[in-house]
Protein backbone atom coordinates (compact mmCIF):
# COMPACT_ATOMS: atom_id res chain seq x y z
CA UNK A 1 62.36 105.30 137.75
CA UNK A 2 66.11 105.62 137.71
CA UNK A 3 68.01 105.96 134.45
CA UNK A 4 71.20 104.00 133.97
CA UNK A 5 74.00 105.28 131.73
CA UNK A 6 75.07 102.90 128.97
CA UNK A 7 78.71 101.96 128.63
CA UNK A 8 80.47 102.51 125.33
CA UNK A 9 80.34 98.78 124.61
CA UNK A 10 76.60 98.68 125.24
CA UNK A 11 76.10 101.69 122.98
CA UNK A 12 78.19 100.09 120.24
CA UNK A 13 76.29 96.82 120.44
CA UNK A 14 72.92 98.61 120.49
CA UNK A 15 73.82 100.63 117.40
CA UNK A 16 75.24 97.52 115.73
CA UNK A 17 71.96 95.69 116.26
CA UNK A 18 70.15 98.55 114.53
CA UNK A 19 72.60 98.61 111.60
CA UNK A 20 71.42 96.64 108.62
CA UNK A 21 73.90 94.60 106.60
CA UNK A 22 73.29 95.54 103.00
CA UNK A 23 73.92 93.21 100.09
CA UNK A 24 77.00 95.21 99.03
CA UNK A 25 78.35 94.98 102.60
CA UNK A 26 77.90 91.21 102.59
CA UNK A 27 79.66 91.00 99.23
CA UNK A 28 82.60 92.96 100.65
CA UNK A 29 82.71 90.72 103.72
CA UNK A 30 82.66 87.64 101.47
CA UNK A 31 85.40 89.12 99.27
CA UNK A 32 87.52 89.82 102.35
CA UNK A 33 87.07 86.23 103.51
CA UNK A 34 88.03 84.91 100.09
CA UNK A 35 91.11 87.14 100.00
CA UNK A 36 92.10 86.00 103.48
CA UNK A 37 92.02 82.37 102.34
CA UNK A 38 94.05 83.27 99.26
CA UNK A 39 96.55 85.18 101.42
CA UNK A 40 97.02 82.14 103.67
CA UNK A 41 97.53 79.89 100.66
CA UNK A 42 100.05 82.27 99.06
CA UNK A 43 101.99 82.60 102.32
CA UNK A 44 102.25 78.80 102.62
CA UNK A 45 103.36 78.49 98.99
CA UNK A 46 105.91 81.26 99.47
CA UNK A 47 107.37 79.58 102.57
CA UNK A 48 107.64 76.29 100.65
CA UNK A 49 109.44 77.95 97.71
CA UNK A 50 111.88 79.73 100.02
CA UNK A 51 112.61 76.43 101.77
CA UNK A 52 113.09 74.71 98.41
CA UNK A 53 115.54 77.42 97.34
CA UNK A 54 117.50 77.09 100.58
CA UNK A 55 117.69 73.32 100.05
CA UNK A 56 118.97 73.75 96.48
CA UNK A 57 121.62 76.22 97.65
CA UNK A 58 122.74 73.80 100.33
CA UNK A 59 122.98 70.95 97.80
CA UNK A 60 124.96 73.17 95.42
CA UNK A 61 127.42 73.99 98.20
CA UNK A 62 127.85 70.31 98.99
CA UNK A 63 128.33 69.42 95.31
CA UNK A 64 131.14 71.93 94.92
CA UNK A 65 133.18 69.65 97.18
CA UNK A 66 132.65 66.69 94.83
CA UNK A 67 135.30 65.89 92.22
CA UNK A 68 134.36 67.30 88.79
CA UNK A 69 134.98 63.94 87.12
CA UNK A 70 132.55 62.15 89.41
CA UNK A 71 129.01 61.34 88.30
CA UNK A 72 126.25 62.64 90.56
CA UNK A 73 122.69 61.28 90.72
CA UNK A 74 120.19 63.95 89.65
CA UNK A 75 116.44 63.47 89.95
CA UNK A 76 114.47 63.97 86.75
CA UNK A 77 110.78 63.29 87.24
CA UNK A 78 110.49 60.00 89.11
CA UNK A 79 113.94 58.64 88.31
CA UNK A 80 117.57 59.50 88.90
CA UNK A 81 120.13 60.08 86.15
CA UNK A 82 123.89 60.07 86.73
CA UNK A 83 125.38 63.28 85.36
CA UNK A 84 128.77 64.97 85.65
CA UNK A 85 129.10 67.31 88.64
CA UNK A 86 129.43 70.55 86.53
CA UNK A 87 126.23 69.73 84.64
CA UNK A 88 124.34 69.07 87.88
CA UNK A 89 125.55 72.41 89.28
CA UNK A 90 124.25 74.16 86.15
CA UNK A 91 120.87 72.43 86.48
CA UNK A 92 120.67 73.41 90.16
CA UNK A 93 121.52 77.03 89.28
CA UNK A 94 118.78 77.04 86.66
CA UNK A 95 116.30 75.61 89.18
CA UNK A 96 117.30 78.26 91.72
CA UNK A 97 116.70 81.04 89.18
CA UNK A 98 113.28 79.59 88.35
CA UNK A 99 112.39 79.50 92.04
CA UNK A 100 113.58 83.11 92.44
CA UNK A 101 111.16 84.16 89.69
CA UNK A 102 108.34 82.17 91.31
CA UNK A 103 109.09 83.77 94.69
CA UNK A 104 108.94 87.26 93.13
CA UNK A 105 105.61 86.43 91.48
CA UNK A 106 104.18 85.08 94.75
CA UNK A 107 105.35 88.16 96.67
CA UNK A 108 103.70 90.41 94.09
CA UNK A 109 100.41 88.48 94.30
CA UNK A 110 100.55 88.55 98.10
CA UNK A 111 101.10 92.34 98.13
CA UNK A 112 98.13 92.81 95.80
CA UNK A 113 95.88 90.65 97.98
CA UNK A 114 96.98 92.45 101.15
CA UNK A 115 96.36 95.86 99.55
CA UNK A 116 92.82 94.90 98.58
CA UNK A 117 92.20 93.46 102.05
CA UNK A 118 93.39 96.75 103.56
CA UNK A 119 90.97 98.73 101.42
CA UNK A 120 88.08 96.44 102.35
CA UNK A 121 89.01 96.74 106.04
CA UNK A 122 88.85 100.53 105.84
CA UNK A 123 85.45 100.44 104.16
CA UNK A 124 83.94 97.81 106.45
CA UNK A 125 85.33 99.25 109.69
CA UNK A 126 84.12 102.67 108.54
CA UNK A 127 80.62 101.28 108.13
CA UNK A 128 80.40 98.88 111.09
CA UNK A 129 83.01 100.15 113.53
CA UNK A 130 83.83 97.73 116.32
CA UNK A 131 80.81 95.57 115.62
CA UNK A 132 82.73 93.71 112.89
CA UNK A 133 85.92 91.76 113.44
CA UNK A 134 88.15 91.41 110.39
CA UNK A 135 91.36 90.71 112.28
CA UNK A 136 93.13 87.72 110.86
């Protein structure tokens, strides 16, 4: 009977089959999955806020070319109100500042989520090696 040497991949899969997934491991895997979904959601929200800010800055630039005496339509809720150009510029500046604060908050939340995901990756890869795929 001739013995065949196992490749590294075969060894890894054989040892992975023997490794039992404990309840705490499954909870960490589930937490990682939940965090990944949250990360995706936060990234989408962050992109939308950045786009909204860029749009407001573009509108502000365009409004600076409008005569100060002219009334400008400004959307409030579902309707438009005609306001003087300087007042609209102030409202746009206020909106931009609010969005800046929201962007900072989203970035902070995203960093926190990514940190926790990194810690879970270290733990899970340490336990399961290549037999688990947490790449997102």
